[in-house]
């Protein structure tokens, strides 16, 4: 039995989600190989070769894969995946984009967003916004799986000595092309990998008030997030959204400010190690999952918290 893990990266650095996905893959048993597909991505391949538990790194270095177009990447992974028992990728925006295409091309069912590995063919995944956990057994010859990275601890980035092999297969479709991208730049940590996250909800009242969160975040070295209600109201851009339809986070510390705690939001952060809730409504559902709760006006609390830090 052999497993192919698709590395997520930016052509320069390996994403932490890949190390956590490798942890899940290693629990499935068998040899674990990694595909690094990108352009000028040799540094990523070298980093993966050093990861503990990786037996081989396959490198598809071509301009066709430089921007991770789902049509190109999906077709490549499906072609290579025929030789493996499992094809595994992080359940990130990129993974959710190309992996269903892989499953369709291989004519198998995808097992999405797993949070636990029971055996080589049996996995656990959340359903109904995390209110229930389904145990899914796949009888397909090739298991196509996406992993919720926050549910697994990362494997060691050092200690491995995998061989590196070039992949000559080039698939460049004529249905889509990369035009450009606009990336939000911030000196704060990435939301999905930050150890501390502070998020604001509808209670922030407007986007300008998010500067209160930002001041606290700067003191804590934290990322700033938001609930769907805050995003829908136009307070902040949607790349800050935490929740079932946003980003799934599981930091060491999650501070929810002015967030009522709708199921949609809880699904994206309830695996956080410590949850602190600040809300003036003592009946807010967020207090049911919080380790520490403060019933108070956030406009009084945040300035005091900033000063105390």
C-alpha atoms as a PDB file:
ATOM      1  CA  UNK A   1       0.000   0.000   0.000  1.00  0.00           C
ATOM      2  CA  UNK A   2       1.365   3.414  -0.976  1.00  0.00           C
ATOM      3  CA  UNK A   3       0.082   6.892  -0.235  1.00  0.00           C
ATOM      4  CA  UNK A   4       0.577  10.062  -2.270  1.00  0.00           C
ATOM      5  CA  UNK A   5       0.324  13.333  -0.349  1.00  0.00           C
ATOM      6  CA  UNK A   6      -0.010  16.538  -2.362  1.00  0.00           C
ATOM      7  CA  UNK A   7       2.180  19.247  -0.836  1.00  0.00           C
ATOM      8  CA  UNK A   8       0.733  22.716  -0.437  1.00  0.00           C
ATOM      9  CA  UNK A   9       3.216  25.564  -0.876  1.00  0.00           C
ATOM     10  CA  UNK A  10       3.844  28.935  -2.518  1.00  0.00           C
ATOM     11  CA  UNK A  11       6.778  27.727  -4.658  1.00  0.00           C
ATOM     12  CA  UNK A  12       9.160  28.902  -1.946  1.00  0.00           C
ATOM     13  CA  UNK A  13       7.988  27.563   1.416  1.00  0.00           C
ATOM     14  CA  UNK A  14       6.046  24.516   2.504  1.00  0.00           C
ATOM     15  CA  UNK A  15       2.666  25.191   4.124  1.00  0.00           C
ATOM     16  CA  UNK A  16       2.303  23.992   7.743  1.00  0.00           C
ATOM     17  CA  UNK A  17      -0.935  22.280   6.637  1.00  0.00           C
ATOM     18  CA  UNK A  18       1.161  19.783   4.680  1.00  0.00           C
ATOM     19  CA  UNK A  19       3.026  18.621   7.787  1.00  0.00           C
ATOM     20  CA  UNK A  20      -0.294  17.992   9.508  1.00  0.00           C
ATOM     21  CA  UNK A  21      -1.688  16.201   6.468  1.00  0.00           C
ATOM     22  CA  UNK A  22       1.387  13.977   6.498  1.00  0.00           C
ATOM     23  CA  UNK A  23       0.581  13.050  10.093  1.00  0.00           C
ATOM     24  CA  UNK A  24      -2.840  11.812   8.952  1.00  0.00           C
ATOM     25  CA  UNK A  25      -1.348   9.963   5.993  1.00  0.00           C
ATOM     26  CA  UNK A  26       1.181   8.165   8.170  1.00  0.00           C
ATOM     27  CA  UNK A  27      -1.648   6.864  10.338  1.00  0.00           C
ATOM     28  CA  UNK A  28      -3.125   5.136   7.273  1.00  0.00           C
ATOM     29  CA  UNK A  29      -0.078   2.870   7.012  1.00  0.00           C
ATOM     30  CA  UNK A  30       2.157   2.129   4.066  1.00  0.00           C
ATOM     31  CA  UNK A  31       4.845   4.153   2.329  1.00  0.00           C
ATOM     32  CA  UNK A  32       4.161   7.878   2.185  1.00  0.00           C
ATOM     33  CA  UNK A  33       5.324   9.754  -0.899  1.00  0.00           C
ATOM     34  CA  UNK A  34       4.840  13.465  -1.567  1.00  0.00           C
ATOM     35  CA  UNK A  35       4.133  15.289  -4.814  1.00  0.00           C
ATOM     36  CA  UNK A  36       5.512  18.820  -5.059  1.00  0.00           C
ATOM     37  CA  UNK A  37       3.943  20.458  -8.125  1.00  0.00           C
ATOM     38  CA  UNK A  38       4.857  24.055  -8.901  1.00  0.00           C
ATOM     39  CA  UNK A  39       7.336  26.252 -10.725  1.00  0.00           C
ATOM     40  CA  UNK A  40      10.880  26.897  -9.496  1.00  0.00           C
ATOM     41  CA  UNK A  41       9.918  24.921  -6.408  1.00  0.00           C
ATOM     42  CA  UNK A  42      13.101  22.943  -5.742  1.00  0.00           C
ATOM     43  CA  UNK A  43      13.465  24.580  -2.319  1.00  0.00           C
ATOM     44  CA  UNK A  44      10.090  23.145  -1.329  1.00  0.00           C
ATOM     45  CA  UNK A  45      11.090  19.694  -2.555  1.00  0.00           C
ATOM     46  CA  UNK A  46      14.306  19.837  -0.514  1.00  0.00           C
ATOM     47  CA  UNK A  47      12.315  20.814   2.580  1.00  0.00           C
ATOM     48  CA  UNK A  48       9.870  17.935   2.079  1.00  0.00           C
ATOM     49  CA  UNK A  49      12.748  15.478   1.649  1.00  0.00           C
ATOM     50  CA  UNK A  50      13.844  16.328   5.190  1.00  0.00           C
ATOM     51  CA  UNK A  51      10.423  15.669   6.714  1.00  0.00           C
ATOM     52  CA  UNK A  52      10.238  12.652   8.977  1.00  0.00           C
ATOM     53  CA  UNK A  53       8.372   9.669   7.552  1.00  0.00           C
ATOM     54  CA  UNK A  54       8.500  10.630   3.851  1.00  0.00           C
ATOM     55  CA  UNK A  55       9.939   7.870   1.646  1.00  0.00           C
ATOM     56  CA  UNK A  56      10.050   9.707  -1.697  1.00  0.00           C
ATOM     57  CA  UNK A  57       9.472  13.196  -3.082  1.00  0.00           C
ATOM     58  CA  UNK A  58       8.178  13.531  -6.641  1.00  0.00           C
ATOM     59  CA  UNK A  59       8.744  16.955  -8.194  1.00  0.00           C
ATOM     60  CA  UNK A  60       6.680  18.293 -11.097  1.00  0.00           C
ATOM     61  CA  UNK A  61       8.437  21.586 -11.779  1.00  0.00           C
ATOM     62  CA  UNK A  62       6.824  23.377 -14.705  1.00  0.00           C
ATOM     63  CA  UNK A  63       5.247  26.752 -15.416  1.00  0.00           C
ATOM     64  CA  UNK A  64       1.930  24.955 -15.991  1.00  0.00           C
ATOM     65  CA  UNK A  65       1.751  24.260 -12.247  1.00  0.00           C
ATOM     66  CA  UNK A  66       3.144  27.566 -11.033  1.00  0.00           C
ATOM     67  CA  UNK A  67      -0.218  29.053 -10.058  1.00  0.00           C
ATOM     68  CA  UNK A  68      -1.881  25.779  -9.012  1.00  0.00           C
ATOM     69  CA  UNK A  69      -4.692  25.939 -11.574  1.00  0.00           C
ATOM     70  CA  UNK A  70      -7.161  23.215 -10.610  1.00  0.00           C
ATOM     71  CA  UNK A  71      -7.509  21.944 -14.186  1.00  0.00           C
ATOM     72  CA  UNK A  72      -3.768  21.352 -14.552  1.00  0.00           C
ATOM     73  CA  UNK A  73      -3.042  20.152 -11.029  1.00  0.00           C
ATOM     74  CA  UNK A  74      -6.118  17.938 -10.830  1.00  0.00           C
ATOM     75  CA  UNK A  75      -5.285  16.169 -14.093  1.00  0.00           C
ATOM     76  CA  UNK A  76      -1.659  15.644 -13.007  1.00  0.00           C
ATOM     77  CA  UNK A  77      -2.617  14.217  -9.620  1.00  0.00           C
ATOM     78  CA  UNK A  78      -5.215  11.918 -11.195  1.00  0.00           C
ATOM     79  CA  UNK A  79      -2.651  10.621 -13.674  1.00  0.00           C
ATOM     80  CA  UNK A  80      -0.059   9.909 -10.997  1.00  0.00           C
ATOM     81  CA  UNK A  81      -2.643   8.773  -8.449  1.00  0.00           C
ATOM     82  CA  UNK A  82      -3.522   5.653 -10.442  1.00  0.00           C
ATOM     83  CA  UNK A  83      -0.440   3.996  -8.962  1.00  0.00           C
ATOM     84  CA  UNK A  84      -1.385   4.640  -5.317  1.00  0.00           C
ATOM     85  CA  UNK A  85      -3.908   3.301  -2.824  1.00  0.00           C
ATOM     86  CA  UNK A  86      -4.507   6.745  -1.292  1.00  0.00           C
ATOM     87  CA  UNK A  87      -4.295  10.293  -2.634  1.00  0.00           C
ATOM     88  CA  UNK A  88      -4.322  12.818   0.207  1.00  0.00           C
ATOM     89  CA  UNK A  89      -4.289  16.629   0.387  1.00  0.00           C
ATOM     90  CA  UNK A  90      -5.065  19.350   2.948  1.00  0.00           C
ATOM     91  CA  UNK A  91      -8.694  20.543   3.002  1.00  0.00           C
ATOM     92  CA  UNK A  92      -7.641  24.097   2.241  1.00  0.00           C
ATOM     93  CA  UNK A  93      -8.903  26.417  -0.480  1.00  0.00           C
ATOM     94  CA  UNK A  94      -6.448  24.875  -2.940  1.00  0.00           C
ATOM     95  CA  UNK A  95      -7.189  21.307  -1.891  1.00  0.00           C
ATOM     96  CA  UNK A  96     -10.931  21.835  -2.104  1.00  0.00           C
ATOM     97  CA  UNK A  97     -10.431  23.239  -5.595  1.00  0.00           C
ATOM     98  CA  UNK A  98      -8.525  20.425  -7.296  1.00  0.00           C
ATOM     99  CA  UNK A  99      -9.208  17.268  -5.256  1.00  0.00           C
ATOM    100  CA  UNK A 100     -12.860  16.802  -6.347  1.00  0.00           C
ATOM    101  CA  UNK A 101     -11.562  16.887  -9.924  1.00  0.00           C
ATOM    102  CA  UNK A 102      -9.091  14.146  -9.035  1.00  0.00           C
ATOM    103  CA  UNK A 103     -11.883  11.993  -7.588  1.00  0.00           C
ATOM    104  CA  UNK A 104     -14.045  12.554 -10.662  1.00  0.00           C
ATOM    105  CA  UNK A 105     -11.220  11.669 -13.068  1.00  0.00           C
ATOM    106  CA  UNK A 106     -10.470   8.504 -11.074  1.00  0.00           C
ATOM    107  CA  UNK A 107     -14.225   7.720 -10.836  1.00  0.00           C
ATOM    108  CA  UNK A 108     -14.192   7.351  -7.048  1.00  0.00           C
ATOM    109  CA  UNK A 109     -15.936   9.074  -4.152  1.00  0.00           C
ATOM    110  CA  UNK A 110     -13.962  11.668  -2.221  1.00  0.00           C
ATOM    111  CA  UNK A 111     -13.805  11.447   1.571  1.00  0.00           C
ATOM    112  CA  UNK A 112     -13.675  15.090   2.622  1.00  0.00           C
ATOM    113  CA  UNK A 113     -12.353  16.964   5.619  1.00  0.00           C
ATOM    114  CA  UNK A 114     -11.378  13.994   7.792  1.00  0.00           C
ATOM    115  CA  UNK A 115     -10.516  14.615  11.432  1.00  0.00           C
ATOM    116  CA  UNK A 116      -9.401  11.100  12.443  1.00  0.00           C
ATOM    117  CA  UNK A 117      -8.043   7.927  10.855  1.00  0.00           C
ATOM    118  CA  UNK A 118      -9.596   4.702  12.142  1.00  0.00           C
ATOM    119  CA  UNK A 119      -7.880   2.413   9.640  1.00  0.00           C
ATOM    120  CA  UNK A 120      -6.601   2.424   6.066  1.00  0.00           C
ATOM    121  CA  UNK A 121     -10.161   2.601   4.725  1.00  0.00           C
ATOM    122  CA  UNK A 122     -12.166   4.113   7.591  1.00  0.00           C
ATOM    123  CA  UNK A 123     -12.182   7.756   8.635  1.00  0.00           C
ATOM    124  CA  UNK A 124     -14.095  10.222  10.779  1.00  0.00           C
ATOM    125  CA  UNK A 125     -15.383  13.537   9.448  1.00  0.00           C
ATOM    126  CA  UNK A 126     -17.699  16.238  10.824  1.00  0.00           C
ATOM    127  CA  UNK A 127     -21.191  16.734   9.408  1.00  0.00           C
ATOM    128  CA  UNK A 128     -24.022  19.167  10.210  1.00  0.00           C
ATOM    129  CA  UNK A 129     -21.557  21.975  10.956  1.00  0.00           C
ATOM    130  CA  UNK A 130     -19.652  19.747  13.347  1.00  0.00           C
ATOM    131  CA  UNK A 131     -22.667  18.794  15.447  1.00  0.00           C
ATOM    132  CA  UNK A 132     -22.221  15.146  14.481  1.00  0.00           C
ATOM    133  CA  UNK A 133     -19.217  13.033  13.520  1.00  0.00           C
ATOM    134  CA  UNK A 134     -19.655  10.497  10.724  1.00  0.00           C
ATOM    135  CA  UNK A 135     -17.526   7.368  10.435  1.00  0.00           C
ATOM    136  CA  UNK A 136     -16.995   6.708   6.735  1.00  0.00           C
ATOM    137  CA  UNK A 137     -15.617   3.521   5.186  1.00  0.00           C
ATOM    138  CA  UNK A 138     -14.424   3.689   1.589  1.00  0.00           C
ATOM    139  CA  UNK A 139     -14.411   0.570  -0.590  1.00  0.00           C
ATOM    140  CA  UNK A 140     -12.897   2.358  -3.586  1.00  0.00           C
ATOM    141  CA  UNK A 141      -9.625   0.953  -4.897  1.00  0.00           C
ATOM    142  CA  UNK A 142      -8.109   4.436  -4.657  1.00  0.00           C
ATOM    143  CA  UNK A 143      -9.056   6.568  -1.651  1.00  0.00           C
ATOM    144  CA  UNK A 144      -9.169  10.295  -2.450  1.00  0.00           C
ATOM    145  CA  UNK A 145      -9.061  12.155   0.865  1.00  0.00           C
ATOM    146  CA  UNK A 146      -8.838  15.718   2.129  1.00  0.00           C
ATOM    147  CA  UNK A 147      -7.640  16.347   5.681  1.00  0.00           C
ATOM    148  CA  UNK A 148      -8.737  19.003   8.155  1.00  0.00           C
ATOM    149  CA  UNK A 149      -5.248  20.043   9.180  1.00  0.00           C
ATOM    150  CA  UNK A 150      -6.299  21.533  12.507  1.00  0.00           C
ATOM    151  CA  UNK A 151      -7.295  18.047  13.741  1.00  0.00           C
ATOM    152  CA  UNK A 152      -3.753  16.642  13.528  1.00  0.00           C
ATOM    153  CA  UNK A 153      -0.404  17.509  15.080  1.00  0.00           C
ATOM    154  CA  UNK A 154       2.338  18.262  12.575  1.00  0.00           C
ATOM    155  CA  UNK A 155       5.063  15.708  11.917  1.00  0.00           C
ATOM    156  CA  UNK A 156       8.676  16.707  12.502  1.00  0.00           C
ATOM    157  CA  UNK A 157      10.061  18.877   9.719  1.00  0.00           C
ATOM    158  CA  UNK A 158      13.538  17.394  10.284  1.00  0.00           C
ATOM    159  CA  UNK A 159      14.870  13.870  10.570  1.00  0.00           C
ATOM    160  CA  UNK A 160      13.932  12.496   7.149  1.00  0.00           C
ATOM    161  CA  UNK A 161      16.089  11.602   4.181  1.00  0.00           C
ATOM    162  CA  UNK A 162      13.739  10.932   1.269  1.00  0.00           C
ATOM    163  CA  UNK A 163      14.849  10.453  -2.312  1.00  0.00           C
ATOM    164  CA  UNK A 164      13.850  13.108  -4.843  1.00  0.00           C
ATOM    165  CA  UNK A 165      12.524  12.155  -8.262  1.00  0.00           C
ATOM    166  CA  UNK A 166      11.554  14.413 -11.171  1.00  0.00           C
ATOM    167  CA  UNK A 167       8.146  14.034 -12.822  1.00  0.00           C
ATOM    168  CA  UNK A 168       8.162  14.857 -16.523  1.00  0.00           C
ATOM    169  CA  UNK A 169       4.377  14.822 -17.023  1.00  0.00           C
ATOM    170  CA  UNK A 170       3.149  18.248 -18.169  1.00  0.00           C
ATOM    171  CA  UNK A 171      -0.572  18.962 -18.420  1.00  0.00           C
ATOM    172  CA  UNK A 172      -1.503  22.457 -19.568  1.00  0.00           C
ATOM    173  CA  UNK A 173      -5.202  22.843 -20.304  1.00  0.00           C
ATOM    174  CA  UNK A 174      -6.774  25.297 -22.723  1.00  0.00           C
ATOM    175  CA  UNK A 175      -9.895  25.920 -20.611  1.00  0.00           C
ATOM    176  CA  UNK A 176      -8.407  28.293 -18.064  1.00  0.00           C
ATOM    177  CA  UNK A 177      -5.434  30.566 -17.616  1.00  0.00           C
ATOM    178  CA  UNK A 178      -3.900  32.543 -14.795  1.00  0.00           C
ATOM    179  CA  UNK A 179      -4.622  36.252 -15.170  1.00  0.00           C
ATOM    180  CA  UNK A 180      -3.533  37.742 -11.860  1.00  0.00           C
ATOM    181  CA  UNK A 181      -4.042  37.768  -8.128  1.00  0.00           C
ATOM    182  CA  UNK A 182      -4.450  40.321  -5.373  1.00  0.00           C
ATOM    183  CA  UNK A 183      -3.124  39.166  -2.038  1.00  0.00           C
ATOM    184  CA  UNK A 184      -3.893  40.888   1.236  1.00  0.00           C
ATOM    185  CA  UNK A 185      -0.613  41.772   2.917  1.00  0.00           C
ATOM    186  CA  UNK A 186      -0.279  41.876   6.679  1.00  0.00           C
ATOM    187  CA  UNK A 187       2.521  41.805   9.199  1.00  0.00           C
ATOM    188  CA  UNK A 188       0.328  39.688  11.462  1.00  0.00           C
ATOM    189  CA  UNK A 189       0.439  35.870  11.357  1.00  0.00           C
ATOM    190  CA  UNK A 190      -1.665  33.949   8.853  1.00  0.00           C
ATOM    191  CA  UNK A 191      -5.105  33.231  10.270  1.00  0.00           C
ATOM    192  CA  UNK A 192      -4.978  29.467   9.748  1.00  0.00           C
ATOM    193  CA  UNK A 193      -1.532  28.976  11.312  1.00  0.00           C
ATOM    194  CA  UNK A 194      -1.499  31.600  14.099  1.00  0.00           C
ATOM    195  CA  UNK A 195      -1.155  30.378  17.682  1.00  0.00           C
ATOM    196  CA  UNK A 196      -3.390  33.211  18.906  1.00  0.00           C
ATOM    197  CA  UNK A 197      -6.497  34.506  17.099  1.00  0.00           C
ATOM    198  CA  UNK A 198      -8.780  37.333  18.157  1.00  0.00           C
ATOM    199  CA  UNK A 199     -12.031  37.667  16.223  1.00  0.00           C
ATOM    200  CA  UNK A 200     -14.799  40.240  16.149  1.00  0.00           C
ATOM    201  CA  UNK A 201     -18.461  39.856  15.357  1.00  0.00           C
ATOM    202  CA  UNK A 202     -21.528  41.949  14.715  1.00  0.00           C
ATOM    203  CA  UNK A 203     -21.054  43.494  18.147  1.00  0.00           C
ATOM    204  CA  UNK A 204     -18.105  45.483  16.782  1.00  0.00           C
ATOM    205  CA  UNK A 205     -20.787  47.680  15.107  1.00  0.00           C
ATOM    206  CA  UNK A 206     -18.583  48.812  12.206  1.00  0.00           C
ATOM    207  CA  UNK A 207     -15.289  48.165  10.472  1.00  0.00           C
ATOM    208  CA  UNK A 208     -13.490  51.089  12.078  1.00  0.00           C
ATOM    209  CA  UNK A 209     -13.938  49.550  15.509  1.00  0.00           C
ATOM    210  CA  UNK A 210     -11.841  46.575  14.440  1.00  0.00           C
ATOM    211  CA  UNK A 211      -8.800  48.739  15.194  1.00  0.00           C
ATOM    212  CA  UNK A 212      -9.560  47.966  18.853  1.00  0.00           C
ATOM    213  CA  UNK A 213      -8.975  44.295  18.087  1.00  0.00           C
ATOM    214  CA  UNK A 214      -5.890  45.072  16.047  1.00  0.00           C
ATOM    215  CA  UNK A 215      -4.261  46.908  18.946  1.00  0.00           C
ATOM    216  CA  UNK A 216      -4.748  43.892  21.200  1.00  0.00           C
ATOM    217  CA  UNK A 217      -3.628  41.549  18.417  1.00  0.00           C
ATOM    218  CA  UNK A 218      -0.382  43.485  17.998  1.00  0.00           C
ATOM    219  CA  UNK A 219       0.347  43.076  21.708  1.00  0.00           C
ATOM    220  CA  UNK A 220      -0.341  39.324  21.558  1.00  0.00           C
ATOM    221  CA  UNK A 221       1.250  38.629  18.168  1.00  0.00           C
ATOM    222  CA  UNK A 222      -2.161  37.396  17.094  1.00  0.00           C
ATOM    223  CA  UNK A 223      -4.081  37.092  13.833  1.00  0.00           C
ATOM    224  CA  UNK A 224      -7.378  38.953  13.482  1.00  0.00           C
ATOM    225  CA  UNK A 225     -10.520  37.145  12.339  1.00  0.00           C
ATOM    226  CA  UNK A 226     -14.220  37.840  12.064  1.00  0.00           C
ATOM    227  CA  UNK A 227     -17.573  36.124  12.148  1.00  0.00           C
ATOM    228  CA  UNK A 228     -19.705  35.712   9.056  1.00  0.00           C
ATOM    229  CA  UNK A 229     -22.105  38.346  10.394  1.00  0.00           C
ATOM    230  CA  UNK A 230     -19.285  40.903  10.497  1.00  0.00           C
ATOM    231  CA  UNK A 231     -18.170  39.985   6.982  1.00  0.00           C
ATOM    232  CA  UNK A 232     -21.704  40.043   5.563  1.00  0.00           C
ATOM    233  CA  UNK A 233     -22.237  43.458   7.148  1.00  0.00           C
ATOM    234  CA  UNK A 234     -19.200  44.733   5.253  1.00  0.00           C
ATOM    235  CA  UNK A 235     -17.098  45.447   8.337  1.00  0.00           C
ATOM    236  CA  UNK A 236     -14.076  43.473   7.066  1.00  0.00           C
ATOM    237  CA  UNK A 237     -13.077  41.486   3.948  1.00  0.00           C
ATOM    238  CA  UNK A 238     -14.145  37.863   3.625  1.00  0.00           C
ATOM    239  CA  UNK A 239     -10.586  36.510   3.877  1.00  0.00           C
ATOM    240  CA  UNK A 240     -10.886  37.209   7.604  1.00  0.00           C
ATOM    241  CA  UNK A 241     -13.951  35.015   8.067  1.00  0.00           C
ATOM    242  CA  UNK A 242     -13.734  32.158  10.557  1.00  0.00           C
ATOM    243  CA  UNK A 243     -16.405  29.492  10.339  1.00  0.00           C
ATOM    244  CA  UNK A 244     -17.884  26.654   8.344  1.00  0.00           C
ATOM    245  CA  UNK A 245     -17.940  28.779   5.177  1.00  0.00           C
ATOM    246  CA  UNK A 246     -14.720  30.583   6.085  1.00  0.00           C
ATOM    247  CA  UNK A 247     -11.438  29.404   7.563  1.00  0.00           C
ATOM    248  CA  UNK A 248     -11.098  26.581  10.074  1.00  0.00           C
ATOM    249  CA  UNK A 249      -8.732  27.515  12.901  1.00  0.00           C
ATOM    250  CA  UNK A 250      -7.514  25.760  16.021  1.00  0.00           C
ATOM    251  CA  UNK A 251      -5.035  28.081  17.767  1.00  0.00           C
ATOM    252  CA  UNK A 252      -3.690  27.755  21.296  1.00  0.00           C
ATOM    253  CA  UNK A 253      -5.832  30.768  22.249  1.00  0.00           C
ATOM    254  CA  UNK A 254      -9.000  32.014  20.541  1.00  0.00           C
ATOM    255  CA  UNK A 255     -10.618  35.243  21.747  1.00  0.00           C
ATOM    256  CA  UNK A 256     -14.160  35.859  20.496  1.00  0.00           C
ATOM    257  CA  UNK A 257     -15.268  39.475  20.901  1.00  0.00           C
ATOM    258  CA  UNK A 258     -18.860  40.520  20.260  1.00  0.00           C
ATOM    259  CA  UNK A 259     -19.616  37.139  18.661  1.00  0.00           C
ATOM    260  CA  UNK A 260     -22.870  35.456  19.637  1.00  0.00           C
ATOM    261  CA  UNK A 261     -21.682  31.955  18.706  1.00  0.00           C
ATOM    262  CA  UNK A 262     -23.810  30.758  15.809  1.00  0.00           C
ATOM    263  CA  UNK A 263     -23.269  27.134  14.771  1.00  0.00           C
ATOM    264  CA  UNK A 264     -21.631  28.305  11.551  1.00  0.00           C
ATOM    265  CA  UNK A 265     -18.939  30.153  13.507  1.00  0.00           C
ATOM    266  CA  UNK A 266     -18.422  27.476  16.154  1.00  0.00           C
ATOM    267  CA  UNK A 267     -17.702  24.920  13.433  1.00  0.00           C
ATOM    268  CA  UNK A 268     -14.619  26.922  12.480  1.00  0.00           C
ATOM    269  CA  UNK A 269     -13.031  27.467  15.900  1.00  0.00           C
ATOM    270  CA  UNK A 270     -14.344  25.085  18.553  1.00  0.00           C
ATOM    271  CA  UNK A 271     -11.208  22.914  18.346  1.00  0.00           C
ATOM    272  CA  UNK A 272      -9.134  25.803  19.744  1.00  0.00           C
ATOM    273  CA  UNK A 273      -7.190  24.800  22.852  1.00  0.00           C
ATOM    274  CA  UNK A 274      -8.445  27.719  24.996  1.00  0.00           C
ATOM    275  CA  UNK A 275     -11.492  29.827  24.087  1.00  0.00           C
ATOM    276  CA  UNK A 276     -12.186  33.209  25.671  1.00  0.00           C
ATOM    277  CA  UNK A 277     -15.503  34.941  25.002  1.00  0.00           C
ATOM    278  CA  UNK A 278     -16.317  38.618  25.592  1.00  0.00           C
ATOM    279  CA  UNK A 279     -19.984  39.512  25.123  1.00  0.00           C
ATOM    280  CA  UNK A 280     -22.446  41.713  26.970  1.00  0.00           C
ATOM    281  CA  UNK A 281     -25.239  39.136  26.439  1.00  0.00           C
ATOM    282  CA  UNK A 282     -24.811  36.520  29.138  1.00  0.00           C
ATOM    283  CA  UNK A 283     -27.149  34.177  27.212  1.00  0.00           C
ATOM    284  CA  UNK A 284     -24.962  34.179  24.087  1.00  0.00           C
ATOM    285  CA  UNK A 285     -24.291  30.602  22.854  1.00  0.00           C
ATOM    286  CA  UNK A 286     -20.555  31.327  22.639  1.00  0.00           C
ATOM    287  CA  UNK A 287     -20.325  30.973  26.415  1.00  0.00           C
ATOM    288  CA  UNK A 288     -21.321  27.288  26.130  1.00  0.00           C
ATOM    289  CA  UNK A 289     -18.037  26.442  24.395  1.00  0.00           C
ATOM    290  CA  UNK A 290     -15.825  29.058  26.071  1.00  0.00           C
ATOM    291  CA  UNK A 291     -13.253  28.098  28.695  1.00  0.00           C
ATOM    292  CA  UNK A 292     -13.371  31.656  30.036  1.00  0.00           C
ATOM    293  CA  UNK A 293     -16.224  34.102  29.608  1.00  0.00           C
ATOM    294  CA  UNK A 294     -16.513  37.796  30.390  1.00  0.00           C
ATOM    295  CA  UNK A 295     -19.954  39.419  30.361  1.00  0.00           C
ATOM    296  CA  UNK A 296     -19.104  43.043  29.636  1.00  0.00           C
ATOM    297  CA  UNK A 297     -19.180  45.773  27.006  1.00  0.00           C
ATOM    298  CA  UNK A 298     -16.359  45.119  24.560  1.00  0.00           C
ATOM    299  CA  UNK A 299     -15.784  48.868  24.105  1.00  0.00           C
ATOM    300  CA  UNK A 300     -14.849  49.042  27.783  1.00  0.00           C
ATOM    301  CA  UNK A 301     -12.917  45.786  27.908  1.00  0.00           C
ATOM    302  CA  UNK A 302     -10.677  46.059  24.827  1.00  0.00           C
ATOM    303  CA  UNK A 303      -8.951  49.334  25.798  1.00  0.00           C
ATOM    304  CA  UNK A 304      -8.399  48.000  29.304  1.00  0.00           C
ATOM    305  CA  UNK A 305      -7.033  44.730  27.922  1.00  0.00           C
ATOM    306  CA  UNK A 306      -4.640  46.593  25.638  1.00  0.00           C
ATOM    307  CA  UNK A 307      -3.338  48.674  28.530  1.00  0.00           C
ATOM    308  CA  UNK A 308      -2.919  45.614  30.740  1.00  0.00           C
ATOM    309  CA  UNK A 309      -0.878  43.884  28.049  1.00  0.00           C
END
